[in-house]
Structures are given as structure tokens and as C-alpha cells.
Protein backbone atom coordinates (compact mmCIF):
# COMPACT_ATOMS: atom_id res chain seq x y z
CA MET A 1 33.60 -5.88 -45.72
CA ILE A 2 36.62 -4.66 -43.74
CA GLN A 3 35.15 -1.17 -43.61
CA LEU A 4 31.86 -2.59 -42.31
CA LEU A 5 33.70 -4.51 -39.57
CA GLN A 6 35.50 -1.33 -38.58
CA ILE A 7 32.23 0.57 -38.31
CA LEU A 8 30.49 -2.18 -36.33
CA PHE A 9 33.23 -3.37 -33.99
CA ILE A 10 36.65 -1.72 -34.18
CA ARG A 11 35.62 1.95 -33.88
CA PRO A 12 33.14 1.43 -31.01
CA ALA A 13 35.69 -0.68 -29.12
CA ARG A 14 38.40 1.93 -29.65
CA THR A 15 36.07 4.72 -28.57
CA SER A 16 35.07 2.79 -25.44
CA ARG A 17 38.72 2.25 -24.49
CA LEU A 18 39.43 5.96 -24.90
CA ALA A 19 36.36 6.82 -22.79
CA LEU A 20 37.41 4.41 -20.03
CA ARG A 21 40.93 5.80 -20.05
CA ALA A 22 39.57 9.35 -19.70
CA LEU A 23 37.35 8.36 -16.79
CA ARG A 24 40.15 6.49 -15.01
CA ARG A 25 42.34 9.55 -15.33
CA ASN A 26 40.10 11.30 -12.76
CA LYS A 27 38.82 8.42 -10.63
CA LEU A 28 37.62 10.50 -7.69
CA ARG A 29 35.76 12.97 -9.88
CA SER A 30 34.18 10.16 -11.91
CA SER A 31 33.12 8.37 -8.72
CA LEU A 32 31.54 11.47 -7.21
CA THR A 33 29.75 12.21 -10.48
CA GLY A 34 28.39 8.68 -10.66
CA LEU A 35 27.28 8.95 -7.04
CA GLY A 36 24.51 11.36 -8.02
CA ILE A 37 23.11 8.78 -10.45
CA ILE A 38 23.54 5.98 -7.88
CA ILE A 39 21.56 7.89 -5.28
CA GLY A 40 18.88 8.90 -7.79
CA VAL A 41 18.32 5.38 -9.15
CA ALA A 42 18.41 3.79 -5.69
CA ALA A 43 15.90 6.37 -4.44
CA VAL A 44 13.52 5.72 -7.34
CA VAL A 45 13.53 1.93 -6.88
CA ALA A 46 13.34 2.13 -3.07
CA MET A 47 10.60 4.80 -2.94
CA VAL A 48 8.43 2.92 -5.44
CA ALA A 49 8.91 -0.28 -3.41
CA ILE A 50 7.95 1.48 -0.17
CA GLY A 51 4.94 3.11 -1.84
CA ASN A 52 3.78 -0.23 -3.27
CA GLY A 53 4.20 -1.84 0.13
CA ALA A 54 2.11 0.85 1.80
CA ARG A 55 -0.56 0.43 -0.84
CA ALA A 56 -0.65 -3.36 -0.38
CA SER A 57 -0.89 -2.97 3.42
CA ILE A 58 -3.83 -0.57 3.17
CA GLU A 59 -5.61 -2.70 0.59
CA SER A 60 -5.17 -5.82 2.75
CA ARG A 61 -6.84 -3.97 5.62
CA VAL A 62 -9.75 -3.04 3.38
CA SER A 63 -10.10 -6.62 2.12
CA ALA A 64 -9.98 -7.84 5.74
CA LEU A 65 -13.31 -6.09 6.31
CA GLY A 66 -14.97 -8.88 4.35
CA GLN A 67 -16.10 -9.92 0.90
CA ASN A 68 -18.58 -7.69 -0.98
CA LEU A 69 -19.47 -6.02 2.30
CA LEU A 70 -22.01 -3.29 2.97
CA MET A 71 -22.20 -1.89 6.50
CA VAL A 72 -25.38 -0.10 7.51
CA PHE A 73 -24.95 2.14 10.57
CA ALA A 74 -27.59 3.72 12.75
CA GLY A 75 -27.69 7.50 12.63
CA SER A 76 -25.93 9.93 14.95
CA SER A 77 -27.55 11.29 18.09
CA ARG A 78 -27.00 14.81 19.42
CA ASN A 79 -26.88 15.91 23.03
CA GLY A 80 -26.49 19.61 23.74
CA GLY A 81 -25.02 20.23 20.29
CA VAL A 82 -22.52 17.35 20.67
CA ASN A 83 -22.59 14.81 17.84
CA ALA A 84 -22.14 11.31 19.31
CA GLY A 85 -21.20 9.72 15.95
CA LEU A 86 -22.58 6.94 13.78
CA GLY A 87 -24.42 4.15 15.56
CA SER A 88 -25.37 6.27 18.56
CA ALA A 89 -28.98 6.93 17.56
CA ASN A 90 -31.83 4.44 18.06
CA THR A 91 -32.82 4.21 14.41
CA LEU A 92 -31.88 0.67 13.38
CA THR A 93 -33.88 -2.36 14.53
CA LEU A 94 -33.77 -6.13 14.20
CA ALA A 95 -36.84 -5.85 11.97
CA ASP A 96 -34.84 -3.58 9.65
CA ALA A 97 -32.05 -6.16 9.45
CA GLU A 98 -34.52 -8.96 8.71
CA ALA A 99 -36.22 -6.83 6.05
CA MET A 100 -32.92 -6.13 4.28
CA GLY A 101 -32.15 -9.85 4.14
CA ARG A 102 -35.66 -10.69 2.98
CA GLU A 103 -36.50 -7.92 0.50
CA VAL A 104 -33.17 -7.05 -1.16
CA PRO A 105 -32.40 -9.86 -3.66
CA ASP A 106 -28.63 -9.27 -3.76
CA VAL A 107 -28.18 -9.64 0.00
CA ILE A 108 -27.01 -13.20 0.66
CA ALA A 109 -26.01 -12.94 4.34
CA VAL A 110 -26.97 -10.66 7.24
CA SER A 111 -25.40 -10.09 10.64
CA PRO A 112 -27.09 -7.63 13.01
CA GLU A 113 -24.40 -6.11 15.20
CA VAL A 114 -24.35 -4.97 18.83
CA ARG A 115 -21.04 -3.79 20.30
CA SER A 116 -19.84 -2.87 23.76
CA ALA A 117 -16.70 -2.98 25.83
CA GLY A 118 -16.47 -5.39 28.74
CA GLN A 119 -14.11 -6.92 31.27
CA ALA A 120 -13.53 -10.58 30.43
CA ILE A 121 -12.42 -12.78 33.33
CA ALA A 122 -11.00 -16.30 32.92
CA ASN A 123 -8.21 -18.55 34.10
CA GLY A 124 -7.29 -16.17 36.91
CA HIS A 125 -6.81 -13.26 34.50
CA ASN A 126 -8.96 -10.35 33.36
CA TRP A 127 -8.83 -8.28 30.20
CA SER A 128 -10.87 -5.36 28.85
CA THR A 129 -11.98 -6.35 25.38
CA GLN A 130 -14.55 -5.61 22.69
CA ILE A 131 -17.77 -7.62 22.99
CA SER A 132 -19.49 -8.03 19.64
CA GLY A 133 -22.96 -9.53 19.21
CA GLU A 134 -23.29 -11.08 15.76
CA SER A 135 -25.20 -13.67 13.76
CA ALA A 136 -23.95 -17.13 12.79
CA ALA A 137 -23.11 -15.78 9.32
CA TYR A 138 -20.70 -13.12 10.63
CA LEU A 139 -17.46 -15.01 9.93
CA THR A 140 -18.60 -15.78 6.37
CA ILE A 141 -19.46 -12.12 5.77
CA ARG A 142 -16.12 -10.94 7.18
CA ASN A 143 -14.17 -13.70 5.41
CA TRP A 144 -12.71 -14.68 8.79
CA ASN A 145 -11.49 -18.21 9.49
CA LEU A 146 -11.32 -20.19 12.71
CA ALA A 147 -8.00 -21.45 14.05
CA ALA A 148 -9.79 -23.98 16.25
CA GLY A 149 -13.31 -24.97 17.26
CA THR A 150 -16.53 -23.92 15.54
CA MET A 151 -18.78 -20.89 15.09
CA PHE A 152 -22.05 -20.75 17.00
CA THR A 153 -25.18 -21.75 15.07
CA GLU A 154 -28.53 -20.17 14.22
CA ARG A 155 -30.02 -22.28 17.02
CA ASP A 156 -27.59 -20.65 19.46
CA VAL A 157 -28.78 -17.26 18.19
CA ARG A 158 -32.47 -18.16 18.58
CA THR A 159 -31.97 -19.46 22.13
CA ALA A 160 -29.58 -16.66 23.16
CA ALA A 161 -27.00 -19.30 24.13
CA LYS A 162 -24.09 -18.38 26.38
CA VAL A 163 -21.36 -19.33 23.91
CA ALA A 164 -18.52 -17.25 22.47
CA VAL A 165 -15.84 -17.17 19.80
CA ILE A 166 -12.66 -15.52 21.00
CA GLY A 167 -10.09 -13.41 19.14
CA SER A 168 -6.41 -14.42 19.23
CA LYS A 169 -5.31 -11.31 21.17
CA THR A 170 -7.97 -11.78 23.88
CA ALA A 171 -7.20 -15.50 24.06
CA THR A 172 -3.49 -14.81 24.60
CA GLN A 173 -4.20 -12.32 27.36
CA LEU A 174 -6.54 -14.68 29.21
CA PHE A 175 -5.09 -18.11 28.49
CA GLY A 176 -1.53 -17.55 27.26
CA SER A 177 -0.48 -20.42 25.00
CA GLU A 178 -3.20 -22.71 26.34
CA ASN A 179 -6.03 -23.76 24.01
CA PRO A 180 -9.09 -21.71 25.10
CA ILE A 181 -11.68 -24.07 23.55
CA GLY A 182 -14.01 -25.42 26.23
CA HIS A 183 -12.96 -22.91 28.86
CA VAL A 184 -15.41 -20.50 30.49
CA VAL A 185 -14.98 -16.73 30.31
CA ARG A 186 -17.13 -14.42 32.42
CA VAL A 187 -18.44 -11.06 31.24
CA LYS A 188 -20.56 -9.08 33.73
CA SER A 189 -20.69 -12.24 35.89
CA ILE A 190 -22.29 -14.18 33.01
CA PRO A 191 -20.38 -17.35 32.02
CA PHE A 192 -19.71 -17.98 28.31
CA VAL A 193 -18.30 -21.25 27.00
CA ILE A 194 -15.62 -20.64 24.36
CA ILE A 195 -16.38 -22.79 21.32
CA GLY A 196 -14.13 -21.15 18.70
CA LEU A 197 -10.77 -19.41 18.32
CA LEU A 198 -10.33 -16.91 15.48
CA THR A 199 -7.29 -16.60 13.26
CA SER A 200 -5.34 -13.37 13.59
CA LYS A 201 -6.34 -10.41 11.39
CA GLY A 202 -4.23 -7.66 12.93
CA ALA A 203 -5.07 -3.97 12.87
CA GLY A 204 -8.27 -2.79 11.24
CA MET A 205 -9.03 0.35 9.21
CA GLY A 206 -9.27 2.51 12.31
CA GLY A 207 -6.03 1.16 13.74
CA ASN A 208 -7.88 -0.93 16.35
CA ASN A 209 -6.77 -4.52 16.94
CA GLN A 210 -9.37 -6.77 15.31
CA ASP A 211 -8.08 -9.75 17.29
CA ASP A 212 -9.00 -8.13 20.62
CA ILE A 213 -12.60 -9.31 20.54
CA LEU A 214 -15.14 -11.71 22.00
CA ILE A 215 -18.00 -12.61 19.63
CA VAL A 216 -21.32 -13.84 21.05
CA PRO A 217 -24.79 -14.29 19.49
CA TYR A 218 -26.40 -10.87 19.04
CA THR A 219 -29.51 -12.04 20.89
CA THR A 220 -27.34 -12.99 23.85
CA ALA A 221 -25.60 -9.62 23.82
CA MET A 222 -28.88 -7.72 23.68
CA LYS A 223 -30.69 -9.75 26.37
CA ARG A 224 -27.88 -10.55 28.81
CA LEU A 225 -25.15 -7.91 28.36
CA THR A 226 -26.30 -4.58 26.96
CA GLY A 227 -30.08 -4.58 27.27
CA ASP A 228 -30.23 -2.80 23.90
CA LYS A 229 -33.36 -2.99 21.79
CA TYR A 230 -31.71 -1.25 18.84
CA LEU A 231 -28.73 -2.15 16.66
CA LYS A 232 -25.52 -0.22 16.22
CA SER A 233 -25.04 -1.55 12.70
CA VAL A 234 -25.81 -4.37 10.27
CA ASN A 235 -23.23 -6.24 8.16
CA LEU A 236 -24.48 -7.37 4.77
CA GLN A 237 -22.80 -9.61 2.20
CA ILE A 238 -23.77 -8.86 -1.42
CA SER A 239 -23.86 -11.49 -4.16
CA SER A 240 -21.13 -9.83 -6.27
CA ALA A 241 -19.00 -6.69 -6.43
CA LYS A 242 -20.89 -5.57 -9.55
CA ARG A 243 -24.17 -5.51 -7.61
CA MET A 244 -22.88 -3.42 -4.68
CA ALA A 245 -24.15 -0.06 -5.97
CA THR A 246 -27.55 -1.48 -6.90
CA ALA A 247 -27.94 -3.21 -3.54
CA GLN A 248 -26.94 -0.01 -1.72
CA GLU A 249 -29.59 1.96 -3.57
CA GLN A 250 -32.26 -0.67 -2.83
CA ILE A 251 -31.33 -0.76 0.88
CA THR A 252 -31.47 3.03 1.07
CA ASN A 253 -34.94 3.09 -0.47
CA LEU A 254 -36.12 0.25 1.79
CA LEU A 255 -34.91 1.87 5.02
CA ARG A 256 -36.27 5.30 4.08
CA GLN A 257 -39.65 3.68 3.47
CA ARG A 258 -39.53 1.71 6.75
CA HIS A 259 -38.46 4.79 8.74
CA ASN A 260 -41.15 6.97 7.11
CA LEU A 261 -38.66 9.55 5.88
CA ALA A 262 -40.30 12.16 3.68
CA ALA A 263 -38.70 13.32 0.43
CA GLY A 264 -35.94 15.84 1.10
CA ARG A 265 -35.37 14.64 4.65
CA GLU A 266 -31.90 13.33 5.50
CA ASN A 267 -31.31 9.62 6.09
CA ASP A 268 -31.23 8.54 9.73
CA PHE A 269 -28.70 5.85 8.81
CA SER A 270 -25.46 5.59 6.86
CA ILE A 271 -24.19 2.93 4.45
CA LEU A 272 -20.50 2.16 4.09
CA ASN A 273 -19.60 0.49 0.79
CA GLN A 274 -16.45 -1.64 0.92
CA LYS A 275 -15.89 -1.31 -2.84
CA GLU A 276 -16.00 2.49 -2.64
CA ILE A 277 -13.46 2.39 0.20
CA ALA A 278 -11.20 0.09 -1.82
CA ASP A 279 -11.43 2.30 -4.92
CA THR A 280 -10.68 5.45 -2.91
CA VAL A 281 -7.77 3.82 -1.10
CA GLY A 282 -6.40 2.52 -4.40
CA THR A 283 -6.49 6.00 -5.93
CA ILE A 284 -4.81 7.59 -2.91
CA SER A 285 -2.17 4.87 -2.76
CA THR A 286 -1.35 5.30 -6.45
CA ILE A 287 -0.95 9.05 -5.95
CA ILE A 288 1.34 8.45 -2.97
CA THR A 289 3.47 5.98 -4.95
CA LEU A 290 3.76 8.41 -7.88
CA LEU A 291 4.62 11.24 -5.50
CA LEU A 292 7.38 9.22 -3.84
CA GLY A 293 8.72 8.15 -7.23
CA SER A 294 8.63 11.74 -8.51
CA VAL A 295 10.51 13.06 -5.49
CA ALA A 296 13.13 10.37 -5.99
CA GLY A 297 13.21 11.18 -9.71
CA ILE A 298 14.26 14.75 -8.86
CA SER A 299 17.46 13.38 -7.30
CA LEU A 300 18.07 11.48 -10.54
CA LEU A 301 17.62 14.72 -12.47
CA VAL A 302 20.12 16.42 -10.17
CA GLY A 303 22.54 13.58 -10.86
CA GLY A 304 22.13 14.18 -14.60
CA ILE A 305 22.86 17.89 -14.16
CA GLY A 306 25.99 16.90 -12.24
CA ILE A 307 27.12 14.74 -15.17
CA MET A 308 26.61 17.62 -17.60
CA ASN A 309 28.54 19.99 -15.35
CA ILE A 310 31.51 17.61 -15.01
CA MET A 311 31.57 16.82 -18.73
CA LEU A 312 31.63 20.53 -19.57
CA VAL A 313 34.61 20.90 -17.23
CA SER A 314 36.20 17.89 -18.91
CA VAL A 315 35.72 19.43 -22.35
CA THR A 316 37.50 22.60 -21.22
CA GLU A 317 40.35 20.64 -19.67
CA ARG A 318 40.82 18.46 -22.75
CA THR A 319 40.65 21.20 -25.36
CA ARG A 320 44.20 20.52 -26.58
CA GLU A 321 43.55 16.76 -26.70
CA ILE A 322 40.47 17.38 -28.87
CA GLY A 323 42.51 19.61 -31.19
CA ILE A 324 45.19 16.94 -31.60
CA ARG A 325 42.60 14.27 -32.37
CA ARG A 326 40.92 16.50 -34.93
CA ALA A 327 44.31 17.29 -36.51
CA LEU A 328 45.03 13.55 -36.78
CA GLY A 329 41.80 12.95 -38.72
CA ALA A 330 39.11 12.42 -36.10
CA ARG A 331 35.70 13.53 -37.31
CA ARG A 332 33.16 15.50 -35.35
CA ARG A 333 30.99 12.45 -34.86
CA ASP A 334 34.00 10.60 -33.38
CA ILE A 335 34.40 13.35 -30.78
CA ILE A 336 30.65 13.35 -30.07
CA THR A 337 30.66 9.56 -29.74
CA GLN A 338 33.59 9.57 -27.31
CA PHE A 339 32.01 12.07 -24.92
CA LEU A 340 28.60 10.40 -25.17
CA VAL A 341 30.19 7.03 -24.38
CA GLU A 342 31.83 8.58 -21.31
CA THR A 343 28.53 9.95 -19.99
CA VAL A 344 26.67 6.72 -20.72
CA LEU A 345 29.38 4.71 -18.97
CA LEU A 346 29.09 7.00 -15.95
CA SER A 347 25.31 6.90 -15.84
CA GLY A 348 25.07 3.21 -16.77
CA THR A 349 27.53 2.09 -14.10
CA GLY A 350 25.80 4.34 -11.58
CA GLY A 351 22.45 2.91 -12.70
CA ILE A 352 23.55 -0.69 -12.10
CA ILE A 353 24.91 0.09 -8.62
CA GLY A 354 21.81 2.20 -7.88
CA VAL A 355 19.46 -0.64 -8.87
CA LEU A 356 21.30 -3.05 -6.57
CA LEU A 357 21.08 -0.56 -3.69
CA GLY A 358 17.45 0.16 -4.55
CA VAL A 359 16.62 -3.54 -4.15
CA VAL A 360 18.60 -3.92 -0.91
CA ILE A 361 17.19 -0.79 0.82
CA PRO A 362 13.52 -1.96 0.81
CA PHE A 363 14.68 -5.32 2.16
CA LEU A 364 16.46 -3.56 5.05
CA VAL A 365 13.50 -1.26 5.68
CA SER A 366 11.17 -4.26 5.79
CA HIS A 367 13.32 -6.14 8.31
CA ILE A 368 14.44 -3.23 10.48
CA ALA A 369 11.34 -1.00 10.50
CA GLY A 370 8.78 -3.76 9.96
CA MET A 371 7.24 -1.94 6.98
CA LYS A 372 5.96 -3.93 4.05
CA THR A 373 7.83 -3.18 0.81
CA ILE A 374 7.28 -4.58 -2.69
CA VAL A 375 9.93 -4.33 -5.42
CA THR A 376 8.05 -4.75 -8.68
CA PHE A 377 9.70 -6.47 -11.62
CA TRP A 378 9.46 -3.33 -13.79
CA SER A 379 10.94 -0.69 -11.46
CA PRO A 380 14.66 -1.76 -11.56
CA PRO A 381 14.90 -1.98 -15.39
CA LEU A 382 12.87 1.23 -15.74
CA ALA A 383 15.13 3.10 -13.31
CA PHE A 384 18.23 1.79 -15.11
CA GLY A 385 16.80 2.78 -18.49
CA ILE A 386 16.06 6.28 -17.19
CA SER A 387 19.62 6.57 -15.84
CA ALA A 388 21.05 5.61 -19.25
CA LEU A 389 18.70 8.10 -20.93
CA VAL A 390 19.81 10.78 -18.46
CA GLY A 391 23.42 10.07 -19.48
CA VAL A 392 22.60 10.55 -23.17
CA VAL A 393 20.42 13.64 -22.69
CA PHE A 394 22.82 15.46 -20.38
CA GLY A 395 25.85 14.33 -22.36
CA ILE A 396 24.70 15.67 -25.73
CA TYR A 397 25.47 19.33 -25.06
CA PRO A 398 29.04 18.78 -23.79
CA ALA A 399 29.69 16.38 -26.68
CA LEU A 400 28.41 18.88 -29.26
CA ARG A 401 30.45 21.64 -27.67
CA ALA A 402 33.58 19.49 -27.91
CA ALA A 403 32.88 18.56 -31.54
CA LYS A 404 32.34 22.20 -32.60
CA MET A 405 35.80 23.30 -31.46
CA ASP A 406 38.06 24.80 -34.11
CA PRO A 407 41.06 22.40 -34.34
CA VAL A 408 43.52 25.31 -34.84
CA GLU A 409 42.21 27.21 -31.82
CA ALA A 410 42.14 23.98 -29.80
CA LEU A 411 45.81 23.28 -30.57
CA ARG A 412 46.75 26.78 -29.38
CA HIS A 413 45.02 26.19 -26.04
CA GLU A 414 47.36 25.86 -23.08
């Protein structure tokens, strides 16, 4: 029983005291050695947090596009070899939009879209903003809420009513802190009564400010503002995420048939699938997070090499001490244990400090730089576990080298 107690408690405690005494003997060297682990662990935790934050920010922008959204764009026109980009060709009509809503079973909401830039004038101010002609279902499709007022109705769309829903950025520029509901804003000398104020959505996928917008019925935009007879795009809400691919295929077939496109001829339209964007962004974000974590992990590896280097120096310096201990009855495993305990203490202490710094750094980055950071529950314990493992792995060779010393030769060492 006494022997068992010695094995379980007395020997480990004695070995730990010896290890601590050896580390305290060279405080500066021990601190500098541990610094490599501290930096490595802090970098791993911080980089993963920054990568996760970037991923969450990008995904939130994708989700801000809407719920189960398909965007059908008109084709691209060419002028003198210059490609004008999607939506520039006259290939998408209101009849096409109505057909998609009528003949594709999975389409539950449709918003034909007409866009242009315009100078909005109100309250003694003017502001260049994006004018977007949409249907009454647009806010539902885009999963966009109102901060005040209401959305225009299908009746407003049918009658081409002069009503508008204003974005928070445009409202601030024209009305400051005043409630814009009920006020009149003029675009191209045409008065629009503001009936709704949108909640803020921030930057979109292209970096443009989604809140800098004035939404009017698409019929009003086409008849009174742009004079367009064709659509730039159509926003479609699909019944579920699982049906997105099927709906996209059905829409493609429908539009090819309506536009009389022969087999082998390219589409004169393009379809943007929100789910495909989200999946692509998720894959890229994961790669970025792993890359950041791997780069930070290299610094942790360098810290481990530093521990091995210092422990090898320590073995050389303490050759005589090892010989005396062996002569007094210490076994090889006792020597191995002592040096391993020293490396684990170095790496473990560095790991704890590194984890604390790794949690604080993302917090500072978030508040100072305004970047979103997310410290996951698993990254601190994982980084600490890796630091402890680094201590064991890089401490084995010095410990074995110390244990293999010939006691007689060690005692002769000066």
C-alpha cells in the first residue's frame, strides 16, 4: 500500500518540485522559451476566431439576399465588342415573369425588377440613390422587414401608384432623424408619398449599401421613371431549399422555350442560385479559416522546436547533476519523467497564457478594427491540448538523451 502511494503521489510530487526548481534556476531562459508557445497558442485561437468571424459576416450577407432566392437576369448586350454585363440586353419581359410564377410549381413569390439611379429631392435636401421597381412581394422574397409604415399593395402595382418605401440610408440623408412616413420625395419631378421605412441591412454582396434605396411599384418605375418595356431581372422565392435545383432547371427550360432558343444555342438569360452562392462561400470561408489556423500552427511548431533546443542545452549543462542522481539510485525513467515534466510545465503554462491572450486579441480586434470575430468553444481547449502535446513530443528526445547518459562519464563531466 505504501509503495502504491509512493508511485501515485509522492514520486510525481517530488519530480514536479525538482522540475520547478530547475526552471526557476533560469527564469529568463524559461520565460523566453515559453514565449514561443504563448505566441503560437494565442495566434491559433485568434486566427481561428478572425476566420470564423469573416465566414459569419460573408454568410450573413448571402442570407440577406433573401430566403430560397433565385435571381433571373436578362442577358448581356454587346456594343462594338464591349460587353455591357448581365441585365443590359432586352431579353426578359413581364410576360416571362408572370409565366415563371404561373407555370413553375415551386415558385411561391415573384418580383419583376427594374433598377435605375435617380436624384431624390425632399425636405430641402437631395440625394442620388438607387431606384428599384418591385412587386408587393419583394420584401417577403428578400426577407426584409419594415421599421415603420407598410409595403405597397398589389393594387398599387396595378394602378402604378406614386408611392415608395425608403431605405434607412436614403431616409437619413433626406430627413435626418425625422420620421419620413407621409412625406413626399420627388424623383424626376414626380412626387412619391413615402409609406414605409426599411430596416437597415448594411452592405450587400457587391459591397454596395443596400439601405441606399427607394423602392416603388415596378409598373410605376417602368411607366413614369425609366420608360423600360423590358426587365433587368426577376426575383423568385422557391418553396424550399431542397427544390432550388429543380426549380432552376424548370425555369431554364421554360425561358428557353419562350425565347425560342434552339438546342445548342446559349441562354439569353442567367440564373443566380442563392444556395449555390452560400455553398461556395461556405467552402471558401472554411479554407480561409483552416489556412489562418495552419499559419498560426506553424508558430506553435516553432515554439516546440525552441523548447527542444533549450532542453538539449539544459541536458548538457546538467550532465553532472544527472550523474549524481543516477549514482544515488535514480532510474532512467525518473530522469525521463523529470525532463518531460519540465517541458510540459513550460508548454502547459505557455498554453494557458496563450489561450487567455487568444481570447482577448479577437475582442480587441472586434472593438478597434470593427471586424467580426467568433471564438468557438472548442478552439481554446484544442489549442491548449496541442501545446501540451507539443511539450511532450519535443521533450521526449532531450529526456531520452539525459536518461541514456553513462553515470560514470556524467560524474566526470566538469
